[in-house]
Amino acid sequence: DVWALRLPQQVYTQSYEELVRESGPQVHALLAFCGLTFAEACLQPHLAQRVIRTPSAAQVRLPMHAPSIKTQGYGALLDSLRTLFV
């Protein structure tokens, strides 16, 4: 938040939950912020054939999906914490 307030033109905050729920509009907004043009492949990064050399290589090959949002299972127990990150 500090950097977003100090440098609003250079810091983009993206909610993973929103990205999963509304991929199209969220990807368009991110690319516009970065000054990049949209390509359909941006909506399916898991289909890219490039080499991935990170520990998360297996995850990169999976589509974005709601089950990866682990906090959903805790329901109201985390509500007081969630308000701190909004």
PDB file of N, CA and C in Angstrom:
ATOM      1  N   ASP A   1       0.815  -1.195   0.000  1.00  0.00           N
ATOM      2  CA  ASP A   1       0.000   0.000   0.000  1.00  0.00           C
ATOM      3  C   ASP A   1       0.860   1.262   0.000  1.00  0.00           C
ATOM      4  N   VAL A   2       1.974   1.206   0.722  1.00  0.00           N
ATOM      5  CA  VAL A   2       2.853   2.379   0.788  1.00  0.00           C
ATOM      6  C   VAL A   2       3.343   2.748  -0.601  1.00  0.00           C
ATOM      7  N   TRP A   3       3.826   1.758  -1.335  1.00  0.00           N
ATOM      8  CA  TRP A   3       4.350   2.035  -2.676  1.00  0.00           C
ATOM      9  C   TRP A   3       3.240   2.415  -3.637  1.00  0.00           C
ATOM     10  N   ALA A   4       2.092   1.818  -3.501  1.00  0.00           N
ATOM     11  CA  ALA A   4       0.965   2.169  -4.367  1.00  0.00           C
ATOM     12  C   ALA A   4       0.545   3.618  -4.143  1.00  0.00           C
ATOM     13  N   LEU A   5       0.611   4.091  -2.899  1.00  0.00           N
ATOM     14  CA  LEU A   5       0.273   5.488  -2.607  1.00  0.00           C
ATOM     15  C   LEU A   5       1.347   6.438  -3.114  1.00  0.00           C
ATOM     16  N   ARG A   6       2.603   6.035  -2.970  1.00  0.00           N
ATOM     17  CA  ARG A   6       3.712   6.901  -3.400  1.00  0.00           C
ATOM     18  C   ARG A   6       3.891   6.925  -4.915  1.00  0.00           C
ATOM     19  N   LEU A   7       3.655   5.788  -5.554  1.00  0.00           N
ATOM     20  CA  LEU A   7       3.889   5.661  -6.990  1.00  0.00           C
ATOM     21  C   LEU A   7       2.678   5.046  -7.692  1.00  0.00           C
ATOM     22  N   PRO A   8       1.540   5.714  -7.671  1.00  0.00           N
ATOM     23  CA  PRO A   8       0.319   5.109  -8.215  1.00  0.00           C
ATOM     24  C   PRO A   8       0.393   4.777  -9.710  1.00  0.00           C
ATOM     25  N   GLN A   9       1.251   5.462 -10.441  1.00  0.00           N
ATOM     26  CA  GLN A   9       1.377   5.181 -11.872  1.00  0.00           C
ATOM     27  C   GLN A   9       2.305   3.998 -12.148  1.00  0.00           C
ATOM     28  N   GLN A  10       2.978   3.492 -11.101  1.00  0.00           N
ATOM     29  CA  GLN A  10       3.956   2.428 -11.295  1.00  0.00           C
ATOM     30  C   GLN A  10       3.633   1.144 -10.536  1.00  0.00           C
ATOM     31  N   VAL A  11       2.638   1.177  -9.657  1.00  0.00           N
ATOM     32  CA  VAL A  11       2.287  -0.009  -8.883  1.00  0.00           C
ATOM     33  C   VAL A  11       0.847  -0.398  -9.205  1.00  0.00           C
ATOM     34  N   TYR A  12       0.684  -1.630  -9.620  1.00  0.00           N
ATOM     35  CA  TYR A  12      -0.644  -2.146  -9.952  1.00  0.00           C
ATOM     36  C   TYR A  12      -0.982  -3.249  -8.953  1.00  0.00           C
ATOM     37  N   THR A  13      -2.098  -3.140  -8.303  1.00  0.00           N
ATOM     38  CA  THR A  13      -2.523  -4.151  -7.338  1.00  0.00           C
ATOM     39  C   THR A  13      -3.547  -5.067  -8.002  1.00  0.00           C
ATOM     40  N   GLN A  14      -3.252  -6.372  -7.982  1.00  0.00           N
ATOM     41  CA  GLN A  14      -4.134  -7.344  -8.613  1.00  0.00           C
ATOM     42  C   GLN A  14      -4.610  -8.352  -7.584  1.00  0.00           C
ATOM     43  N   SER A  15      -5.897  -8.529  -7.480  1.00  0.00           N
ATOM     44  CA  SER A  15      -6.475  -9.540  -6.610  1.00  0.00           C
ATOM     45  C   SER A  15      -6.564 -10.853  -7.394  1.00  0.00           C
ATOM     46  N   TYR A  16      -5.959 -11.916  -6.852  1.00  0.00           N
ATOM     47  CA  TYR A  16      -6.023 -13.200  -7.530  1.00  0.00           C
ATOM     48  C   TYR A  16      -7.461 -13.692  -7.632  1.00  0.00           C
ATOM     49  N   GLU A  17      -8.238 -13.444  -6.589  1.00  0.00           N
ATOM     50  CA  GLU A  17      -9.634 -13.861  -6.596  1.00  0.00           C
ATOM     51  C   GLU A  17     -10.389 -13.216  -7.753  1.00  0.00           C
ATOM     52  N   GLU A  18     -10.169 -11.905  -7.967  1.00  0.00           N
ATOM     53  CA  GLU A  18     -10.813 -11.205  -9.080  1.00  0.00           C
ATOM     54  C   GLU A  18     -10.291 -11.712 -10.417  1.00  0.00           C
ATOM     55  N   LEU A  19      -8.998 -12.013 -10.471  1.00  0.00           N
ATOM     56  CA  LEU A  19      -8.407 -12.527 -11.705  1.00  0.00           C
ATOM     57  C   LEU A  19      -9.031 -13.863 -12.093  1.00  0.00           C
ATOM     58  N   VAL A  20      -9.274 -14.714 -11.115  1.00  0.00           N
ATOM     59  CA  VAL A  20      -9.906 -16.005 -11.387  1.00  0.00           C
ATOM     60  C   VAL A  20     -11.371 -15.809 -11.772  1.00  0.00           C
ATOM     61  N   ARG A  21     -12.055 -14.928 -11.052  1.00  0.00           N
ATOM     62  CA  ARG A  21     -13.487 -14.719 -11.263  1.00  0.00           C
ATOM     63  C   ARG A  21     -13.776 -14.018 -12.590  1.00  0.00           C
ATOM     64  N   GLU A  22     -12.973 -13.029 -12.945  1.00  0.00           N
ATOM     65  CA  GLU A  22     -13.200 -12.223 -14.161  1.00  0.00           C
ATOM     66  C   GLU A  22     -11.901 -12.070 -14.943  1.00  0.00           C
ATOM     67  N   SER A  23     -11.387 -13.165 -15.471  1.00  0.00           N
ATOM     68  CA  SER A  23     -10.081 -13.151 -16.128  1.00  0.00           C
ATOM     69  C   SER A  23      -9.980 -12.126 -17.250  1.00  0.00           C
ATOM     70  N   GLY A  24     -10.948 -12.115 -18.142  1.00  0.00           N
ATOM     71  CA  GLY A  24     -10.886 -11.217 -19.295  1.00  0.00           C
ATOM     72  C   GLY A  24     -10.701  -9.760 -18.915  1.00  0.00           C
ATOM     73  N   PRO A  25     -11.639  -9.180 -18.175  1.00  0.00           N
ATOM     74  CA  PRO A  25     -11.505  -7.769 -17.812  1.00  0.00           C
ATOM     75  C   PRO A  25     -10.261  -7.479 -16.972  1.00  0.00           C
ATOM     76  N   GLN A  26      -9.898  -8.402 -16.091  1.00  0.00           N
ATOM     77  CA  GLN A  26      -8.732  -8.187 -15.241  1.00  0.00           C
ATOM     78  C   GLN A  26      -7.438  -8.183 -16.051  1.00  0.00           C
ATOM     79  N   VAL A  27      -7.319  -9.101 -16.999  1.00  0.00           N
ATOM     80  CA  VAL A  27      -6.129  -9.162 -17.847  1.00  0.00           C
ATOM     81  C   VAL A  27      -6.057  -7.917 -18.735  1.00  0.00           C
ATOM     82  N   HIS A  28      -7.181  -7.515 -19.297  1.00  0.00           N
ATOM     83  CA  HIS A  28      -7.215  -6.292 -20.113  1.00  0.00           C
ATOM     84  C   HIS A  28      -6.741  -5.082 -19.301  1.00  0.00           C
ATOM     85  N   ALA A  29      -7.214  -4.965 -18.063  1.00  0.00           N
ATOM     86  CA  ALA A  29      -6.835  -3.829 -17.215  1.00  0.00           C
ATOM     87  C   ALA A  29      -5.346  -3.856 -16.883  1.00  0.00           C
ATOM     88  N   LEU A  30      -4.819  -5.019 -16.579  1.00  0.00           N
ATOM     89  CA  LEU A  30      -3.394  -5.139 -16.267  1.00  0.00           C
ATOM     90  C   LEU A  30      -2.537  -4.762 -17.466  1.00  0.00           C
ATOM     91  N   LEU A  31      -2.890  -5.292 -18.631  1.00  0.00           N
ATOM     92  CA  LEU A  31      -2.122  -4.980 -19.836  1.00  0.00           C
ATOM     93  C   LEU A  31      -2.203  -3.498 -20.183  1.00  0.00           C
ATOM     94  N   ALA A  32      -3.377  -2.905 -20.017  1.00  0.00           N
ATOM     95  CA  ALA A  32      -3.525  -1.468 -20.274  1.00  0.00           C
ATOM     96  C   ALA A  32      -2.645  -0.664 -19.324  1.00  0.00           C
ATOM     97  N   PHE A  33      -2.597  -1.055 -18.069  1.00  0.00           N
ATOM     98  CA  PHE A  33      -1.754  -0.372 -17.086  1.00  0.00           C
ATOM     99  C   PHE A  33      -0.283  -0.425 -17.503  1.00  0.00           C
ATOM    100  N   CYS A  34       0.118  -1.560 -18.067  1.00  0.00           N
ATOM    101  CA  CYS A  34       1.515  -1.755 -18.488  1.00  0.00           C
ATOM    102  C   CYS A  34       1.793  -1.185 -19.876  1.00  0.00           C
ATOM    103  N   GLY A  35       0.746  -0.705 -20.544  1.00  0.00           N
ATOM    104  CA  GLY A  35       0.928  -0.169 -21.888  1.00  0.00           C
ATOM    105  C   GLY A  35       1.140  -1.250 -22.941  1.00  0.00           C
ATOM    106  N   LEU A  36       0.601  -2.433 -22.692  1.00  0.00           N
ATOM    107  CA  LEU A  36       0.754  -3.566 -23.611  1.00  0.00           C
ATOM    108  C   LEU A  36      -0.555  -3.855 -24.320  1.00  0.00           C
ATOM    109  N   THR A  37      -0.458  -4.446 -25.491  1.00  0.00           N
ATOM    110  CA  THR A  37      -1.658  -4.806 -26.232  1.00  0.00           C
ATOM    111  C   THR A  37      -2.134  -6.200 -25.816  1.00  0.00           C
ATOM    112  N   PHE A  38      -3.415  -6.415 -25.956  1.00  0.00           N
ATOM    113  CA  PHE A  38      -4.027  -7.683 -25.581  1.00  0.00           C
ATOM    114  C   PHE A  38      -3.840  -8.715 -26.687  1.00  0.00           C
ATOM    115  N   ALA A  39      -3.622  -9.949 -26.286  1.00  0.00           N
ATOM    116  CA  ALA A  39      -3.596 -11.098 -27.201  1.00  0.00           C
ATOM    117  C   ALA A  39      -4.385 -12.213 -26.516  1.00  0.00           C
ATOM    118  N   GLU A  40      -5.116 -12.991 -27.268  1.00  0.00           N
ATOM    119  CA  GLU A  40      -5.937 -14.074 -26.697  1.00  0.00           C
ATOM    120  C   GLU A  40      -5.111 -15.026 -25.841  1.00  0.00           C
ATOM    121  N   ALA A  41      -3.843 -15.223 -26.197  1.00  0.00           N
ATOM    122  CA  ALA A  41      -2.978 -16.124 -25.430  1.00  0.00           C
ATOM    123  C   ALA A  41      -2.822 -15.658 -23.980  1.00  0.00           C
ATOM    124  N   CYS A  42      -3.063 -14.386 -23.728  1.00  0.00           N
ATOM    125  CA  CYS A  42      -2.959 -13.861 -22.356  1.00  0.00           C
ATOM    126  C   CYS A  42      -3.997 -14.480 -21.432  1.00  0.00           C
ATOM    127  N   LEU A  43      -5.073 -14.983 -21.994  1.00  0.00           N
ATOM    128  CA  LEU A  43      -6.128 -15.597 -21.185  1.00  0.00           C
ATOM    129  C   LEU A  43      -5.881 -17.080 -20.931  1.00  0.00           C
ATOM    130  N   GLN A  44      -4.842 -17.625 -21.570  1.00  0.00           N
ATOM    131  CA  GLN A  44      -4.531 -19.042 -21.398  1.00  0.00           C
ATOM    132  C   GLN A  44      -3.027 -19.254 -21.234  1.00  0.00           C
ATOM    133  N   PRO A  45      -2.421 -18.643 -20.238  1.00  0.00           N
ATOM    134  CA  PRO A  45      -0.968 -18.763 -20.081  1.00  0.00           C
ATOM    135  C   PRO A  45      -0.506 -20.193 -19.817  1.00  0.00           C
ATOM    136  N   HIS A  46      -1.389 -21.013 -19.298  1.00  0.00           N
ATOM    137  CA  HIS A  46      -1.040 -22.407 -19.013  1.00  0.00           C
ATOM    138  C   HIS A  46      -0.792 -23.226 -20.280  1.00  0.00           C
ATOM    139  N   LEU A  47      -1.195 -22.707 -21.445  1.00  0.00           N
ATOM    140  CA  LEU A  47      -0.998 -23.417 -22.708  1.00  0.00           C
ATOM    141  C   LEU A  47       0.318 -23.053 -23.405  1.00  0.00           C
ATOM    142  N   ALA A  48       1.041 -22.095 -22.868  1.00  0.00           N
ATOM    143  CA  ALA A  48       2.313 -21.678 -23.469  1.00  0.00           C
ATOM    144  C   ALA A  48       3.294 -22.841 -23.458  1.00  0.00           C
ATOM    145  N   GLN A  49       4.083 -22.954 -24.507  1.00  0.00           N
ATOM    146  CA  GLN A  49       5.007 -24.075 -24.635  1.00  0.00           C
ATOM    147  C   GLN A  49       6.438 -23.738 -24.233  1.00  0.00           C
ATOM    148  N   ARG A  50       6.666 -22.548 -23.698  1.00  0.00           N
ATOM    149  CA  ARG A  50       8.030 -22.166 -23.331  1.00  0.00           C
ATOM    150  C   ARG A  50       8.532 -23.005 -22.151  1.00  0.00           C
ATOM    151  N   VAL A  51       9.837 -23.043 -22.018  1.00  0.00           N
ATOM    152  CA  VAL A  51      10.477 -23.784 -20.930  1.00  0.00           C
ATOM    153  C   VAL A  51      10.312 -22.994 -19.636  1.00  0.00           C
ATOM    154  N   ILE A  52       9.979 -23.702 -18.569  1.00  0.00           N
ATOM    155  CA  ILE A  52       9.819 -23.084 -17.255  1.00  0.00           C
ATOM    156  C   ILE A  52      10.802 -23.755 -16.314  1.00  0.00           C
ATOM    157  N   ARG A  53      11.678 -22.957 -15.737  1.00  0.00           N
ATOM    158  CA  ARG A  53      12.715 -23.501 -14.859  1.00  0.00           C
ATOM    159  C   ARG A  53      12.590 -22.939 -13.448  1.00  0.00           C
ATOM    160  N   THR A  54      11.430 -23.073 -12.877  1.00  0.00           N
ATOM    161  CA  THR A  54      11.212 -22.618 -11.509  1.00  0.00           C
ATOM    162  C   THR A  54      10.567 -23.753 -10.720  1.00  0.00           C
ATOM    163  N   PRO A  55      10.618 -23.680  -9.401  1.00  0.00           N
ATOM    164  CA  PRO A  55       9.970 -24.721  -8.593  1.00  0.00           C
ATOM    165  C   PRO A  55       8.466 -24.821  -8.835  1.00  0.00           C
ATOM    166  N   SER A  56       7.864 -23.756  -9.350  1.00  0.00           N
ATOM    167  CA  SER A  56       6.415 -23.773  -9.573  1.00  0.00           C
ATOM    168  C   SER A  56       6.044 -24.203 -10.993  1.00  0.00           C
ATOM    169  N   ALA A  57       6.957 -24.837 -11.704  1.00  0.00           N
ATOM    170  CA  ALA A  57       6.727 -25.211 -13.097  1.00  0.00           C
ATOM    171  C   ALA A  57       5.434 -26.016 -13.280  1.00  0.00           C
ATOM    172  N   ALA A  58       5.147 -26.938 -12.383  1.00  0.00           N
ATOM    173  CA  ALA A  58       3.929 -27.747 -12.506  1.00  0.00           C
ATOM    174  C   ALA A  58       2.684 -26.883 -12.352  1.00  0.00           C
ATOM    175  N   GLN A  59       2.721 -25.904 -11.457  1.00  0.00           N
ATOM    176  CA  GLN A  59       1.572 -25.020 -11.256  1.00  0.00           C
ATOM    177  C   GLN A  59       1.346 -24.116 -12.464  1.00  0.00           C
ATOM    178  N   VAL A  60       2.411 -23.706 -13.109  1.00  0.00           N
ATOM    179  CA  VAL A  60       2.299 -22.808 -14.255  1.00  0.00           C
ATOM    180  C   VAL A  60       1.524 -23.481 -15.388  1.00  0.00           C
ATOM    181  N   ARG A  61       1.590 -24.773 -15.468  1.00  0.00           N
ATOM    182  CA  ARG A  61       0.907 -25.517 -16.535  1.00  0.00           C
ATOM    183  C   ARG A  61      -0.570 -25.765 -16.237  1.00  0.00           C
ATOM    184  N   LEU A  62      -1.039 -25.300 -15.085  1.00  0.00           N
ATOM    185  CA  LEU A  62      -2.452 -25.451 -14.739  1.00  0.00           C
ATOM    186  C   LEU A  62      -3.195 -24.144 -14.990  1.00  0.00           C
ATOM    187  N   PRO A  63      -4.440 -24.223 -15.431  1.00  0.00           N
ATOM    188  CA  PRO A  63      -5.223 -22.990 -15.573  1.00  0.00           C
ATOM    189  C   PRO A  63      -5.487 -22.358 -14.206  1.00  0.00           C
ATOM    190  N   MET A  64      -5.720 -21.060 -14.211  1.00  0.00           N
ATOM    191  CA  MET A  64      -6.103 -20.409 -12.957  1.00  0.00           C
ATOM    192  C   MET A  64      -7.431 -21.020 -12.520  1.00  0.00           C
ATOM    193  N   HIS A  65      -7.549 -21.282 -11.240  1.00  0.00           N
ATOM    194  CA  HIS A  65      -8.773 -21.917 -10.771  1.00  0.00           C
ATOM    195  C   HIS A  65      -9.053 -21.527  -9.331  1.00  0.00           C
ATOM    196  N   ALA A  66     -10.319 -21.482  -9.018  1.00  0.00           N
ATOM    197  CA  ALA A  66     -10.764 -21.048  -7.697  1.00  0.00           C
ATOM    198  C   ALA A  66     -10.272 -21.938  -6.550  1.00  0.00           C
ATOM    199  N   PRO A  67     -10.139 -23.272  -6.714  1.00  0.00           N
ATOM    200  CA  PRO A  67      -9.669 -24.070  -5.579  1.00  0.00           C
ATOM    201  C   PRO A  67      -8.289 -23.645  -5.061  1.00  0.00           C
ATOM    202  N   SER A  68      -7.519 -22.944  -5.869  1.00  0.00           N
ATOM    203  CA  SER A  68      -6.216 -22.503  -5.389  1.00  0.00           C
ATOM    204  C   SER A  68      -6.337 -21.322  -4.434  1.00  0.00           C
ATOM    205  N   ILE A  69      -7.533 -20.797  -4.286  1.00  0.00           N
ATOM    206  CA  ILE A  69      -7.776 -19.729  -3.325  1.00  0.00           C
ATOM    207  C   ILE A  69      -8.094 -20.407  -1.995  1.00  0.00           C
ATOM    208  N   LYS A  70      -7.059 -20.721  -1.267  1.00  0.00           N
ATOM    209  CA  LYS A  70      -7.171 -21.562  -0.082  1.00  0.00           C
ATOM    210  C   LYS A  70      -7.961 -20.941   1.066  1.00  0.00           C
ATOM    211  N   THR A  71      -8.023 -19.636   1.154  1.00  0.00           N
ATOM    212  CA  THR A  71      -8.697 -19.014   2.290  1.00  0.00           C
ATOM    213  C   THR A  71     -10.206 -19.180   2.256  1.00  0.00           C
ATOM    214  N   GLN A  72     -10.771 -19.552   1.111  1.00  0.00           N
ATOM    215  CA  GLN A  72     -12.222 -19.695   1.020  1.00  0.00           C
ATOM    216  C   GLN A  72     -12.751 -20.727   2.002  1.00  0.00           C
ATOM    217  N   GLY A  73     -11.984 -21.755   2.266  1.00  0.00           N
ATOM    218  CA  GLY A  73     -12.428 -22.815   3.160  1.00  0.00           C
ATOM    219  C   GLY A  73     -12.562 -22.388   4.609  1.00  0.00           C
ATOM    220  N   TYR A  74     -11.998 -21.236   4.949  1.00  0.00           N
ATOM    221  CA  TYR A  74     -12.049 -20.774   6.333  1.00  0.00           C
ATOM    222  C   TYR A  74     -13.224 -19.842   6.605  1.00  0.00           C
ATOM    223  N   GLY A  75     -13.937 -19.467   5.557  1.00  0.00           N
ATOM    224  CA  GLY A  75     -15.141 -18.668   5.710  1.00  0.00           C
ATOM    225  C   GLY A  75     -14.967 -17.443   6.583  1.00  0.00           C
ATOM    226  N   ALA A  76     -15.905 -17.248   7.485  1.00  0.00           N
ATOM    227  CA  ALA A  76     -15.949 -16.049   8.330  1.00  0.00           C
ATOM    228  C   ALA A  76     -14.806 -15.990   9.339  1.00  0.00           C
ATOM    229  N   LEU A  77     -14.111 -17.090   9.565  1.00  0.00           N
ATOM    230  CA  LEU A  77     -13.019 -17.089  10.537  1.00  0.00           C
ATOM    231  C   LEU A  77     -11.925 -16.087  10.163  1.00  0.00           C
ATOM    232  N   LEU A  78     -11.774 -15.815   8.888  1.00  0.00           N
ATOM    233  CA  LEU A  78     -10.718 -14.901   8.447  1.00  0.00           C
ATOM    234  C   LEU A  78     -11.232 -13.507   8.093  1.00  0.00           C
ATOM    235  N   ASP A  79     -12.492 -13.240   8.308  1.00  0.00           N
ATOM    236  CA  ASP A  79     -13.052 -11.939   7.921  1.00  0.00           C
ATOM    237  C   ASP A  79     -12.316 -10.765   8.548  1.00  0.00           C
ATOM    238  N   SER A  80     -11.962 -10.861   9.814  1.00  0.00           N
ATOM    239  CA  SER A  80     -11.271  -9.740  10.456  1.00  0.00           C
ATOM    240  C   SER A  80      -9.902  -9.509   9.819  1.00  0.00           C
ATOM    241  N   LEU A  81      -9.233 -10.557   9.392  1.00  0.00           N
ATOM    242  CA  LEU A  81      -7.958 -10.395   8.696  1.00  0.00           C
ATOM    243  C   LEU A  81      -8.147  -9.844   7.276  1.00  0.00           C
ATOM    244  N   ARG A  82      -9.173 -10.319   6.592  1.00  0.00           N
ATOM    245  CA  ARG A  82      -9.419  -9.869   5.218  1.00  0.00           C
ATOM    246  C   ARG A  82      -9.620  -8.356   5.162  1.00  0.00           C
ATOM    247  N   THR A  83     -10.237  -7.780   6.176  1.00  0.00           N
ATOM    248  CA  THR A  83     -10.474  -6.324   6.160  1.00  0.00           C
ATOM    249  C   THR A  83      -9.163  -5.544   6.202  1.00  0.00           C
ATOM    250  N   LEU A  84      -8.109  -6.148   6.715  1.00  0.00           N
ATOM    251  CA  LEU A  84      -6.805  -5.483   6.768  1.00  0.00           C
ATOM    252  C   LEU A  84      -6.155  -5.374   5.393  1.00  0.00           C
ATOM    253  N   PHE A  85      -6.548  -6.232   4.454  1.00  0.00           N
ATOM    254  CA  PHE A  85      -5.921  -6.267   3.141  1.00  0.00           C
ATOM    255  C   PHE A  85      -6.759  -5.643   2.046  1.00  0.00           C
ATOM    256  N   VAL A  86      -7.805  -4.974   2.411  1.00  0.00           N
ATOM    257  CA  VAL A  86      -8.674  -4.348   1.413  1.00  0.00           C
ATOM    258  C   VAL A  86      -8.347  -2.884   1.281  1.00  0.00           C
TER     259      VAL A  86
END
